[in-house]
Amino acid sequence: MPSISVSQLAMQLEHGVAFRLIDVRRAQALTSSGAKIASSNWKNPALWLDWKDEIAHDLPIVLYCAHGQEISQGLCAALQAMGANACHLEGGIAAWQTQGHAVTPALLSQP
């Protein structure tokens, strides 16, 4: 499964590389953490069938969940099967924060 490391993502954000950053944590994980990676948009993974066609494939897509496991990897595979250039963040937002990268406040919004 294609992935991107925390350091690679940080470098891309720092250099203004164009891509879509999508937070696919469960709603409970998002609200309990109250934080997200800046410039990311939250999409409810439980409703992915409702929003999958809204994700434009004109830019690479980076998905992240809490720990970079089943949710982001599974949705990455689904989007790739639909023709998207998608990858997941290794270690999820937990690794992002552990490595000292900044987060911003996250508010739960519907897809």
PDB file of N, CA and C in Angstrom:
ATOM      1  N   MET A   1       0.845  -1.187   0.000  1.00  0.00           N
ATOM      2  CA  MET A   1       0.000   0.000   0.000  1.00  0.00           C
ATOM      3  C   MET A   1       0.888   1.247   0.000  1.00  0.00           C
ATOM      4  N   PRO A   2       0.686   2.158  -0.930  1.00  0.00           N
ATOM      5  CA  PRO A   2       1.518   3.377  -0.959  1.00  0.00           C
ATOM      6  C   PRO A   2       1.358   4.197   0.323  1.00  0.00           C
ATOM      7  N   SER A   3       2.477   4.675   0.817  1.00  0.00           N
ATOM      8  CA  SER A   3       2.437   5.470   2.041  1.00  0.00           C
ATOM      9  C   SER A   3       3.399   6.647   1.912  1.00  0.00           C
ATOM     10  N   ILE A   4       3.252   7.582   2.830  1.00  0.00           N
ATOM     11  CA  ILE A   4       4.135   8.731   2.918  1.00  0.00           C
ATOM     12  C   ILE A   4       4.567   8.843   4.382  1.00  0.00           C
ATOM     13  N   SER A   5       5.834   9.152   4.592  1.00  0.00           N
ATOM     14  CA  SER A   5       6.318   9.274   5.959  1.00  0.00           C
ATOM     15  C   SER A   5       5.949  10.639   6.525  1.00  0.00           C
ATOM     16  N   VAL A   6       6.026  10.751   7.832  1.00  0.00           N
ATOM     17  CA  VAL A   6       5.750  12.026   8.495  1.00  0.00           C
ATOM     18  C   VAL A   6       6.702  13.100   7.973  1.00  0.00           C
ATOM     19  N   SER A   7       7.973  12.778   7.848  1.00  0.00           N
ATOM     20  CA  SER A   7       8.941  13.780   7.388  1.00  0.00           C
ATOM     21  C   SER A   7       8.678  14.190   5.942  1.00  0.00           C
ATOM     22  N   GLN A   8       8.280  13.250   5.091  1.00  0.00           N
ATOM     23  CA  GLN A   8       7.949  13.588   3.704  1.00  0.00           C
ATOM     24  C   GLN A   8       6.732  14.508   3.647  1.00  0.00           C
ATOM     25  N   LEU A   9       5.698  14.204   4.442  1.00  0.00           N
ATOM     26  CA  LEU A   9       4.504  15.045   4.456  1.00  0.00           C
ATOM     27  C   LEU A   9       4.840  16.434   4.973  1.00  0.00           C
ATOM     28  N   ALA A  10       5.623  16.510   6.035  1.00  0.00           N
ATOM     29  CA  ALA A  10       6.008  17.813   6.589  1.00  0.00           C
ATOM     30  C   ALA A  10       6.760  18.637   5.548  1.00  0.00           C
ATOM     31  N   MET A  11       7.641  17.997   4.794  1.00  0.00           N
ATOM     32  CA  MET A  11       8.407  18.694   3.767  1.00  0.00           C
ATOM     33  C   MET A  11       7.479  19.193   2.656  1.00  0.00           C
ATOM     34  N   GLN A  12       6.529  18.357   2.251  1.00  0.00           N
ATOM     35  CA  GLN A  12       5.596  18.772   1.205  1.00  0.00           C
ATOM     36  C   GLN A  12       4.750  19.958   1.661  1.00  0.00           C
ATOM     37  N   LEU A  13       4.286  19.927   2.900  1.00  0.00           N
ATOM     38  CA  LEU A  13       3.501  21.051   3.423  1.00  0.00           C
ATOM     39  C   LEU A  13       4.350  22.316   3.488  1.00  0.00           C
ATOM     40  N   GLU A  14       5.582  22.168   3.941  1.00  0.00           N
ATOM     41  CA  GLU A  14       6.485  23.309   4.070  1.00  0.00           C
ATOM     42  C   GLU A  14       6.789  23.953   2.719  1.00  0.00           C
ATOM     43  N   HIS A  15       6.904  23.126   1.677  1.00  0.00           N
ATOM     44  CA  HIS A  15       7.252  23.629   0.355  1.00  0.00           C
ATOM     45  C   HIS A  15       6.034  23.943  -0.511  1.00  0.00           C
ATOM     46  N   GLY A  16       4.839  23.835   0.052  1.00  0.00           N
ATOM     47  CA  GLY A  16       3.631  24.193  -0.688  1.00  0.00           C
ATOM     48  C   GLY A  16       3.280  23.260  -1.834  1.00  0.00           C
ATOM     49  N   VAL A  17       3.668  22.003  -1.725  1.00  0.00           N
ATOM     50  CA  VAL A  17       3.318  21.023  -2.750  1.00  0.00           C
ATOM     51  C   VAL A  17       1.799  20.850  -2.755  1.00  0.00           C
ATOM     52  N   ALA A  18       1.211  20.821  -3.938  1.00  0.00           N
ATOM     53  CA  ALA A  18      -0.246  20.704  -4.055  1.00  0.00           C
ATOM     54  C   ALA A  18      -0.693  19.250  -3.914  1.00  0.00           C
ATOM     55  N   PHE A  19      -1.574  19.004  -2.956  1.00  0.00           N
ATOM     56  CA  PHE A  19      -2.191  17.690  -2.760  1.00  0.00           C
ATOM     57  C   PHE A  19      -3.403  17.870  -1.861  1.00  0.00           C
ATOM     58  N   ARG A  20      -4.227  16.868  -1.790  1.00  0.00           N
ATOM     59  CA  ARG A  20      -5.392  16.888  -0.901  1.00  0.00           C
ATOM     60  C   ARG A  20      -5.043  16.078   0.344  1.00  0.00           C
ATOM     61  N   LEU A  21      -5.240  16.685   1.516  1.00  0.00           N
ATOM     62  CA  LEU A  21      -4.956  16.026   2.786  1.00  0.00           C
ATOM     63  C   LEU A  21      -6.288  15.757   3.468  1.00  0.00           C
ATOM     64  N   ILE A  22      -6.598  14.485   3.658  1.00  0.00           N
ATOM     65  CA  ILE A  22      -7.907  14.097   4.180  1.00  0.00           C
ATOM     66  C   ILE A  22      -7.765  13.304   5.475  1.00  0.00           C
ATOM     67  N   ASP A  23      -8.420  13.798   6.499  1.00  0.00           N
ATOM     68  CA  ASP A  23      -8.486  13.160   7.818  1.00  0.00           C
ATOM     69  C   ASP A  23      -9.649  12.173   7.782  1.00  0.00           C
ATOM     70  N   VAL A  24      -9.360  10.894   7.949  1.00  0.00           N
ATOM     71  CA  VAL A  24     -10.406   9.871   7.908  1.00  0.00           C
ATOM     72  C   VAL A  24     -10.531   9.124   9.234  1.00  0.00           C
ATOM     73  N   ARG A  25     -10.242   9.834  10.329  1.00  0.00           N
ATOM     74  CA  ARG A  25     -10.447   9.209  11.637  1.00  0.00           C
ATOM     75  C   ARG A  25     -11.937   9.076  11.916  1.00  0.00           C
ATOM     76  N   ARG A  26     -12.267   8.098  12.742  1.00  0.00           N
ATOM     77  CA  ARG A  26     -13.656   7.985  13.190  1.00  0.00           C
ATOM     78  C   ARG A  26     -14.045   9.261  13.930  1.00  0.00           C
ATOM     79  N   ALA A  27     -15.320   9.608  13.893  1.00  0.00           N
ATOM     80  CA  ALA A  27     -15.800  10.844  14.520  1.00  0.00           C
ATOM     81  C   ALA A  27     -15.397  10.916  15.984  1.00  0.00           C
ATOM     82  N   GLN A  28     -15.481   9.807  16.693  1.00  0.00           N
ATOM     83  CA  GLN A  28     -15.124   9.791  18.114  1.00  0.00           C
ATOM     84  C   GLN A  28     -13.644  10.105  18.316  1.00  0.00           C
ATOM     85  N   ALA A  29     -12.786   9.574  17.459  1.00  0.00           N
ATOM     86  CA  ALA A  29     -11.345   9.842  17.578  1.00  0.00           C
ATOM     87  C   ALA A  29     -11.045  11.311  17.294  1.00  0.00           C
ATOM     88  N   LEU A  30     -11.744  11.874  16.332  1.00  0.00           N
ATOM     89  CA  LEU A  30     -11.544  13.291  16.008  1.00  0.00           C
ATOM     90  C   LEU A  30     -11.979  14.181  17.161  1.00  0.00           C
ATOM     91  N   THR A  31     -13.159  13.936  17.687  1.00  0.00           N
ATOM     92  CA  THR A  31     -13.655  14.799  18.760  1.00  0.00           C
ATOM     93  C   THR A  31     -12.859  14.613  20.048  1.00  0.00           C
ATOM     94  N   SER A  32     -12.393  13.402  20.333  1.00  0.00           N
ATOM     95  CA  SER A  32     -11.626  13.206  21.564  1.00  0.00           C
ATOM     96  C   SER A  32     -10.249  13.852  21.479  1.00  0.00           C
ATOM     97  N   SER A  33      -9.663  13.896  20.289  1.00  0.00           N
ATOM     98  CA  SER A  33      -8.345  14.538  20.163  1.00  0.00           C
ATOM     99  C   SER A  33      -8.484  16.053  20.050  1.00  0.00           C
ATOM    100  N   GLY A  34      -9.513  16.516  19.352  1.00  0.00           N
ATOM    101  CA  GLY A  34      -9.713  17.948  19.168  1.00  0.00           C
ATOM    102  C   GLY A  34      -8.662  18.619  18.311  1.00  0.00           C
ATOM    103  N   ALA A  35      -7.852  17.821  17.598  1.00  0.00           N
ATOM    104  CA  ALA A  35      -6.772  18.376  16.794  1.00  0.00           C
ATOM    105  C   ALA A  35      -6.733  17.716  15.424  1.00  0.00           C
ATOM    106  N   LYS A  36      -6.177  18.450  14.457  1.00  0.00           N
ATOM    107  CA  LYS A  36      -5.991  17.918  13.113  1.00  0.00           C
ATOM    108  C   LYS A  36      -4.728  18.512  12.520  1.00  0.00           C
ATOM    109  N   ILE A  37      -4.262  17.918  11.441  1.00  0.00           N
ATOM    110  CA  ILE A  37      -3.133  18.475  10.721  1.00  0.00           C
ATOM    111  C   ILE A  37      -3.672  19.652   9.907  1.00  0.00           C
ATOM    112  N   ALA A  38      -2.972  20.774   9.970  1.00  0.00           N
ATOM    113  CA  ALA A  38      -3.417  21.975   9.259  1.00  0.00           C
ATOM    114  C   ALA A  38      -3.658  21.672   7.785  1.00  0.00           C
ATOM    115  N   SER A  39      -4.666  22.295   7.242  1.00  0.00           N
ATOM    116  CA  SER A  39      -5.091  22.189   5.838  1.00  0.00           C
ATOM    117  C   SER A  39      -5.778  20.874   5.493  1.00  0.00           C
ATOM    118  N   SER A  40      -5.998  20.005   6.474  1.00  0.00           N
ATOM    119  CA  SER A  40      -6.716  18.762   6.177  1.00  0.00           C
ATOM    120  C   SER A  40      -8.223  18.976   6.283  1.00  0.00           C
ATOM    121  N   ASN A  41      -8.947  18.149   5.570  1.00  0.00           N
ATOM    122  CA  ASN A  41     -10.408  18.142   5.632  1.00  0.00           C
ATOM    123  C   ASN A  41     -10.852  16.795   6.160  1.00  0.00           C
ATOM    124  N   TRP A  42     -11.791  16.816   7.105  1.00  0.00           N
ATOM    125  CA  TRP A  42     -12.287  15.569   7.670  1.00  0.00           C
ATOM    126  C   TRP A  42     -13.404  14.999   6.820  1.00  0.00           C
ATOM    127  N   LYS A  43     -13.327  13.701   6.591  1.00  0.00           N
ATOM    128  CA  LYS A  43     -14.386  12.949   5.928  1.00  0.00           C
ATOM    129  C   LYS A  43     -14.697  11.743   6.804  1.00  0.00           C
ATOM    130  N   ASN A  44     -15.968  11.560   7.092  1.00  0.00           N
ATOM    131  CA  ASN A  44     -16.399  10.454   7.950  1.00  0.00           C
ATOM    132  C   ASN A  44     -16.139   9.129   7.238  1.00  0.00           C
ATOM    133  N   PRO A  45     -15.256   8.286   7.779  1.00  0.00           N
ATOM    134  CA  PRO A  45     -14.950   7.030   7.099  1.00  0.00           C
ATOM    135  C   PRO A  45     -16.145   6.085   7.031  1.00  0.00           C
ATOM    136  N   ALA A  46     -17.073   6.214   7.960  1.00  0.00           N
ATOM    137  CA  ALA A  46     -18.264   5.355   7.943  1.00  0.00           C
ATOM    138  C   ALA A  46     -19.178   5.684   6.769  1.00  0.00           C
ATOM    139  N   LEU A  47     -19.033   6.878   6.228  1.00  0.00           N
ATOM    140  CA  LEU A  47     -19.883   7.324   5.115  1.00  0.00           C
ATOM    141  C   LEU A  47     -19.087   7.465   3.818  1.00  0.00           C
ATOM    142  N   TRP A  48     -18.005   6.736   3.678  1.00  0.00           N
ATOM    143  CA  TRP A  48     -17.126   6.920   2.525  1.00  0.00           C
ATOM    144  C   TRP A  48     -17.828   6.689   1.203  1.00  0.00           C
ATOM    145  N   LEU A  49     -18.816   5.824   1.172  1.00  0.00           N
ATOM    146  CA  LEU A  49     -19.545   5.608  -0.083  1.00  0.00           C
ATOM    147  C   LEU A  49     -20.300   6.858  -0.517  1.00  0.00           C
ATOM    148  N   ASP A  50     -20.647   7.720   0.447  1.00  0.00           N
ATOM    149  CA  ASP A  50     -21.355   8.957   0.134  1.00  0.00           C
ATOM    150  C   ASP A  50     -20.426  10.044  -0.411  1.00  0.00           C
ATOM    151  N   TRP A  51     -19.160  10.050   0.005  1.00  0.00           N
ATOM    152  CA  TRP A  51     -18.259  11.135  -0.415  1.00  0.00           C
ATOM    153  C   TRP A  51     -17.158  10.736  -1.374  1.00  0.00           C
ATOM    154  N   LYS A  52     -16.983   9.451  -1.628  1.00  0.00           N
ATOM    155  CA  LYS A  52     -15.860   8.992  -2.454  1.00  0.00           C
ATOM    156  C   LYS A  52     -15.824   9.629  -3.841  1.00  0.00           C
ATOM    157  N   ASP A  53     -16.994   9.882  -4.431  1.00  0.00           N
ATOM    158  CA  ASP A  53     -17.027  10.452  -5.772  1.00  0.00           C
ATOM    159  C   ASP A  53     -16.808  11.965  -5.775  1.00  0.00           C
ATOM    160  N   GLU A  54     -16.846  12.590  -4.590  1.00  0.00           N
ATOM    161  CA  GLU A  54     -16.628  14.039  -4.493  1.00  0.00           C
ATOM    162  C   GLU A  54     -15.151  14.399  -4.445  1.00  0.00           C
ATOM    163  N   ILE A  55     -14.291  13.422  -4.224  1.00  0.00           N
ATOM    164  CA  ILE A  55     -12.857  13.687  -4.117  1.00  0.00           C
ATOM    165  C   ILE A  55     -12.273  13.756  -5.527  1.00  0.00           C
ATOM    166  N   ALA A  56     -11.879  14.953  -5.922  1.00  0.00           N
ATOM    167  CA  ALA A  56     -11.290  15.134  -7.250  1.00  0.00           C
ATOM    168  C   ALA A  56      -9.945  14.414  -7.323  1.00  0.00           C
ATOM    169  N   HIS A  57      -9.672  13.865  -8.476  1.00  0.00           N
ATOM    170  CA  HIS A  57      -8.438  13.112  -8.680  1.00  0.00           C
ATOM    171  C   HIS A  57      -7.376  13.943  -9.392  1.00  0.00           C
ATOM    172  N   ASP A  58      -7.556  15.259  -9.429  1.00  0.00           N
ATOM    173  CA  ASP A  58      -6.600  16.121 -10.134  1.00  0.00           C
ATOM    174  C   ASP A  58      -5.295  16.308  -9.366  1.00  0.00           C
ATOM    175  N   LEU A  59      -5.306  16.041  -8.083  1.00  0.00           N
ATOM    176  CA  LEU A  59      -4.116  16.161  -7.236  1.00  0.00           C
ATOM    177  C   LEU A  59      -3.894  14.859  -6.476  1.00  0.00           C
ATOM    178  N   PRO A  60      -2.658  14.591  -6.056  1.00  0.00           N
ATOM    179  CA  PRO A  60      -2.428  13.433  -5.188  1.00  0.00           C
ATOM    180  C   PRO A  60      -3.240  13.583  -3.895  1.00  0.00           C
ATOM    181  N   ILE A  61      -3.618  12.471  -3.317  1.00  0.00           N
ATOM    182  CA  ILE A  61      -4.423  12.456  -2.095  1.00  0.00           C
ATOM    183  C   ILE A  61      -3.633  11.765  -0.989  1.00  0.00           C
ATOM    184  N   VAL A  62      -3.564  12.415   0.172  1.00  0.00           N
ATOM    185  CA  VAL A  62      -2.931  11.817   1.351  1.00  0.00           C
ATOM    186  C   VAL A  62      -4.012  11.656   2.406  1.00  0.00           C
ATOM    187  N   LEU A  63      -4.201  10.421   2.858  1.00  0.00           N
ATOM    188  CA  LEU A  63      -5.189  10.114   3.889  1.00  0.00           C
ATOM    189  C   LEU A  63      -4.478   9.841   5.203  1.00  0.00           C
ATOM    190  N   TYR A  64      -5.077  10.275   6.299  1.00  0.00           N
ATOM    191  CA  TYR A  64      -4.527   9.883   7.596  1.00  0.00           C
ATOM    192  C   TYR A  64      -5.659   9.560   8.561  1.00  0.00           C
ATOM    193  N   CYS A  65      -5.367   8.596   9.433  1.00  0.00           N
ATOM    194  CA  CYS A  65      -6.293   8.242  10.507  1.00  0.00           C
ATOM    195  C   CYS A  65      -5.513   8.368  11.819  1.00  0.00           C
ATOM    196  N   ALA A  66      -5.977   7.734  12.857  1.00  0.00           N
ATOM    197  CA  ALA A  66      -5.325   7.881  14.161  1.00  0.00           C
ATOM    198  C   ALA A  66      -3.911   7.294  14.167  1.00  0.00           C
ATOM    199  N   HIS A  67      -3.745   6.080  13.613  1.00  0.00           N
ATOM    200  CA  HIS A  67      -2.457   5.396  13.698  1.00  0.00           C
ATOM    201  C   HIS A  67      -1.937   4.874  12.357  1.00  0.00           C
ATOM    202  N   GLY A  68      -2.580   5.248  11.254  1.00  0.00           N
ATOM    203  CA  GLY A  68      -2.102   4.819   9.937  1.00  0.00           C
ATOM    204  C   GLY A  68      -2.341   3.356   9.643  1.00  0.00           C
ATOM    205  N   GLN A  69      -3.394   2.815  10.210  1.00  0.00           N
ATOM    206  CA  GLN A  69      -3.659   1.388  10.050  1.00  0.00           C
ATOM    207  C   GLN A  69      -4.838   1.128   9.107  1.00  0.00           C
ATOM    208  N   GLU A  70      -5.835   0.419   9.599  1.00  0.00           N
ATOM    209  CA  GLU A  70      -6.904  -0.095   8.753  1.00  0.00           C
ATOM    210  C   GLU A  70      -7.706   0.972   8.020  1.00  0.00           C
ATOM    211  N   ILE A  71      -8.092   2.035   8.690  1.00  0.00           N
ATOM    212  CA  ILE A  71      -8.993   3.004   8.069  1.00  0.00           C
ATOM    213  C   ILE A  71      -8.311   3.707   6.898  1.00  0.00           C
ATOM    214  N   SER A  72      -7.183   4.336   7.137  1.00  0.00           N
ATOM    215  CA  SER A  72      -6.533   5.073   6.046  1.00  0.00           C
ATOM    216  C   SER A  72      -6.027   4.136   4.953  1.00  0.00           C
ATOM    217  N   GLN A  73      -5.527   2.973   5.317  1.00  0.00           N
ATOM    218  CA  GLN A  73      -5.036   2.035   4.306  1.00  0.00           C
ATOM    219  C   GLN A  73      -6.177   1.482   3.462  1.00  0.00           C
ATOM    220  N   GLY A  74      -7.295   1.161   4.104  1.00  0.00           N
ATOM    221  CA  GLY A  74      -8.436   0.629   3.362  1.00  0.00           C
ATOM    222  C   GLY A  74      -9.036   1.654   2.414  1.00  0.00           C
ATOM    223  N   LEU A  75      -9.185   2.887   2.888  1.00  0.00           N
ATOM    224  CA  LEU A  75      -9.730   3.933   2.027  1.00  0.00           C
ATOM    225  C   LEU A  75      -8.749   4.316   0.930  1.00  0.00           C
ATOM    226  N   CYS A  76      -7.474   4.233   1.219  1.00  0.00           N
ATOM    227  CA  CYS A  76      -6.457   4.480   0.204  1.00  0.00           C
ATOM    228  C   CYS A  76      -6.601   3.455  -0.931  1.00  0.00           C
ATOM    229  N   ALA A  77      -6.755   2.192  -0.581  1.00  0.00           N
ATOM    230  CA  ALA A  77      -6.916   1.140  -1.581  1.00  0.00           C
ATOM    231  C   ALA A  77      -8.185   1.368  -2.409  1.00  0.00           C
ATOM    232  N   ALA A  78      -9.264   1.768  -1.755  1.00  0.00           N
ATOM    233  CA  ALA A  78     -10.520   2.016  -2.469  1.00  0.00           C
ATOM    234  C   ALA A  78     -10.370   3.179  -3.455  1.00  0.00           C
ATOM    235  N   LEU A  79      -9.749   4.268  -3.010  1.00  0.00           N
ATOM    236  CA  LEU A  79      -9.567   5.418  -3.897  1.00  0.00           C
ATOM    237  C   LEU A  79      -8.617   5.084  -5.049  1.00  0.00           C
ATOM    238  N   GLN A  80      -7.590   4.300  -4.775  1.00  0.00           N
ATOM    239  CA  GLN A  80      -6.687   3.884  -5.847  1.00  0.00           C
ATOM    240  C   GLN A  80      -7.432   3.054  -6.891  1.00  0.00           C
ATOM    241  N   ALA A  81      -8.301   2.170  -6.419  1.00  0.00           N
ATOM    242  CA  ALA A  81      -9.084   1.343  -7.342  1.00  0.00           C
ATOM    243  C   ALA A  81      -9.976   2.201  -8.233  1.00  0.00           C
ATOM    244  N   MET A  82     -10.312   3.397  -7.741  1.00  0.00           N
ATOM    245  CA  MET A  82     -11.137   4.326  -8.517  1.00  0.00           C
ATOM    246  C   MET A  82     -10.277   5.238  -9.394  1.00  0.00           C
ATOM    247  N   GLY A  83      -8.973   5.027  -9.411  1.00  0.00           N
ATOM    248  CA  GLY A  83      -8.094   5.797 -10.274  1.00  0.00           C
ATOM    249  C   GLY A  83      -7.382   6.961  -9.626  1.00  0.00           C
ATOM    250  N   ALA A  84      -7.524   7.129  -8.316  1.00  0.00           N
ATOM    251  CA  ALA A  84      -6.874   8.246  -7.623  1.00  0.00           C
ATOM    252  C   ALA A  84      -5.420   7.915  -7.303  1.00  0.00           C
ATOM    253  N   ASN A  85      -4.602   8.941  -7.249  1.00  0.00           N
ATOM    254  CA  ASN A  85      -3.218   8.824  -6.798  1.00  0.00           C
ATOM    255  C   ASN A  85      -3.263   9.061  -5.288  1.00  0.00           C
ATOM    256  N   ALA A  86      -3.485   7.989  -4.522  1.00  0.00           N
ATOM    257  CA  ALA A  86      -3.697   8.109  -3.079  1.00  0.00           C
ATOM    258  C   ALA A  86      -2.633   7.341  -2.300  1.00  0.00           C
ATOM    259  N   CYS A  87      -2.308   7.866  -1.120  1.00  0.00           N
ATOM    260  CA  CYS A  87      -1.417   7.177  -0.195  1.00  0.00           C
ATOM    261  C   CYS A  87      -1.882   7.490   1.228  1.00  0.00           C
ATOM    262  N   HIS A  88      -1.340   6.770   2.193  1.00  0.00           N
ATOM    263  CA  HIS A  88      -1.710   7.007   3.590  1.00  0.00           C
ATOM    264  C   HIS A  88      -0.473   7.454   4.377  1.00  0.00           C
ATOM    265  N   LEU A  89      -0.729   8.190   5.454  1.00  0.00           N
ATOM    266  CA  LEU A  89       0.351   8.683   6.308  1.00  0.00           C
ATOM    267  C   LEU A  89       0.783   7.576   7.265  1.00  0.00           C
ATOM    268  N   GLU A  90       2.051   7.217   7.201  1.00  0.00           N
ATOM    269  CA  GLU A  90       2.593   6.182   8.088  1.00  0.00           C
ATOM    270  C   GLU A  90       2.471   6.625   9.540  1.00  0.00           C
ATOM    271  N   GLY A  91       1.816   5.829  10.348  1.00  0.00           N
ATOM    272  CA  GLY A  91       1.677   6.130  11.772  1.00  0.00           C
ATOM    273  C   GLY A  91       0.554   7.094  12.106  1.00  0.00           C
ATOM    274  N   GLY A  92      -0.113   7.633  11.088  1.00  0.00           N
ATOM    275  CA  GLY A  92      -1.262   8.519  11.298  1.00  0.00           C
ATOM    276  C   GLY A  92      -0.905   9.787  12.055  1.00  0.00           C
ATOM    277  N   ILE A  93      -1.947  10.424  12.574  1.00  0.00           N
ATOM    278  CA  ILE A  93      -1.735  11.683  13.296  1.00  0.00           C
ATOM    279  C   ILE A  93      -0.951  11.453  14.591  1.00  0.00           C
ATOM    280  N   ALA A  94      -1.007  10.238  15.132  1.00  0.00           N
ATOM    281  CA  ALA A  94      -0.236   9.939  16.344  1.00  0.00           C
ATOM    282  C   ALA A  94       1.259  10.111  16.069  1.00  0.00           C
ATOM    283  N   ALA A  95       1.734   9.583  14.945  1.00  0.00           N
ATOM    284  CA  ALA A  95       3.150   9.722  14.590  1.00  0.00           C
ATOM    285  C   ALA A  95       3.476  11.183  14.282  1.00  0.00           C
ATOM    286  N   TRP A  96       2.558  11.875  13.627  1.00  0.00           N
ATOM    287  CA  TRP A  96       2.745  13.295  13.312  1.00  0.00           C
ATOM    288  C   TRP A  96       3.002  14.088  14.600  1.00  0.00           C
ATOM    289  N   GLN A  97       2.167  13.862  15.605  1.00  0.00           N
ATOM    290  CA  GLN A  97       2.302  14.591  16.865  1.00  0.00           C
ATOM    291  C   GLN A  97       3.526  14.123  17.657  1.00  0.00           C
ATOM    292  N   THR A  98       3.792  12.831  17.666  1.00  0.00           N
ATOM    293  CA  THR A  98       4.948  12.288  18.383  1.00  0.00           C
ATOM    294  C   THR A  98       6.249  12.891  17.865  1.00  0.00           C
ATOM    295  N   GLN A  99       6.287  13.168  16.569  1.00  0.00           N
ATOM    296  CA  GLN A  99       7.489  13.735  15.968  1.00  0.00           C
ATOM    297  C   GLN A  99       7.520  15.262  16.078  1.00  0.00           C
ATOM    298  N   GLY A 100       6.580  15.828  16.836  1.00  0.00           N
ATOM    299  CA  GLY A 100       6.624  17.239  17.169  1.00  0.00           C
ATOM    300  C   GLY A 100       6.049  18.210  16.164  1.00  0.00           C
ATOM    301  N   HIS A 101       5.257  17.711  15.224  1.00  0.00           N
ATOM    302  CA  HIS A 101       4.664  18.602  14.230  1.00  0.00           C
ATOM    303  C   HIS A 101       3.384  19.238  14.768  1.00  0.00           C
ATOM    304  N   ALA A 102       3.139  20.437  14.320  1.00  0.00           N
ATOM    305  CA  ALA A 102       2.007  21.215  14.819  1.00  0.00           C
ATOM    306  C   ALA A 102       0.669  20.669  14.324  1.00  0.00           C
ATOM    307  N   VAL A 103      -0.337  20.867  15.161  1.00  0.00           N
ATOM    308  CA  VAL A 103      -1.718  20.562  14.807  1.00  0.00           C
ATOM    309  C   VAL A 103      -2.545  21.806  15.058  1.00  0.00           C
ATOM    310  N   THR A 104      -3.737  21.821  14.497  1.00  0.00           N
ATOM    311  CA  THR A 104      -4.661  22.924  14.703  1.00  0.00           C
ATOM    312  C   THR A 104      -5.936  22.371  15.303  1.00  0.00           C
ATOM    313  N   PRO A 105      -6.764  23.225  15.914  1.00  0.00           N
ATOM    314  CA  PRO A 105      -8.024  22.735  16.474  1.00  0.00           C
ATOM    315  C   PRO A 105      -8.912  22.112  15.389  1.00  0.00           C
ATOM    316  N   ALA A 106      -9.571  21.039  15.747  1.00  0.00           N
ATOM    317  CA  ALA A 106     -10.460  20.351  14.809  1.00  0.00           C
ATOM    318  C   ALA A 106     -11.886  20.412  15.324  1.00  0.00           C
ATOM    319  N   LEU A 107     -12.770  20.764  14.446  1.00  0.00           N
ATOM    320  CA  LEU A 107     -14.193  20.766  14.762  1.00  0.00           C
ATOM    321  C   LEU A 107     -14.875  19.715  13.909  1.00  0.00           C
ATOM    322  N   LEU A 108     -15.757  18.972  14.508  1.00  0.00           N
ATOM    323  CA  LEU A 108     -16.473  17.942  13.778  1.00  0.00           C
ATOM    324  C   LEU A 108     -17.487  18.588  12.861  1.00  0.00           C
ATOM    325  N   SER A 109     -17.401  18.236  11.591  1.00  0.00           N
ATOM    326  CA  SER A 109     -18.389  18.710  10.616  1.00  0.00           C
ATOM    327  C   SER A 109     -18.824  17.517   9.793  1.00  0.00           C
ATOM    328  N   GLN A 110     -19.986  17.595   9.271  1.00  0.00           N
ATOM    329  CA  GLN A 110     -20.473  16.482   8.465  1.00  0.00           C
ATOM    330  C   GLN A 110     -19.816  16.507   7.092  1.00  0.00           C
ATOM    331  N   PRO A 111     -19.759  15.331   6.434  1.00  0.00           N
ATOM    332  CA  PRO A 111     -19.082  15.257   5.151  1.00  0.00           C
ATOM    333  C   PRO A 111     -19.802  16.112   4.179  1.00  0.00           C
TER     334      PRO A 111
END
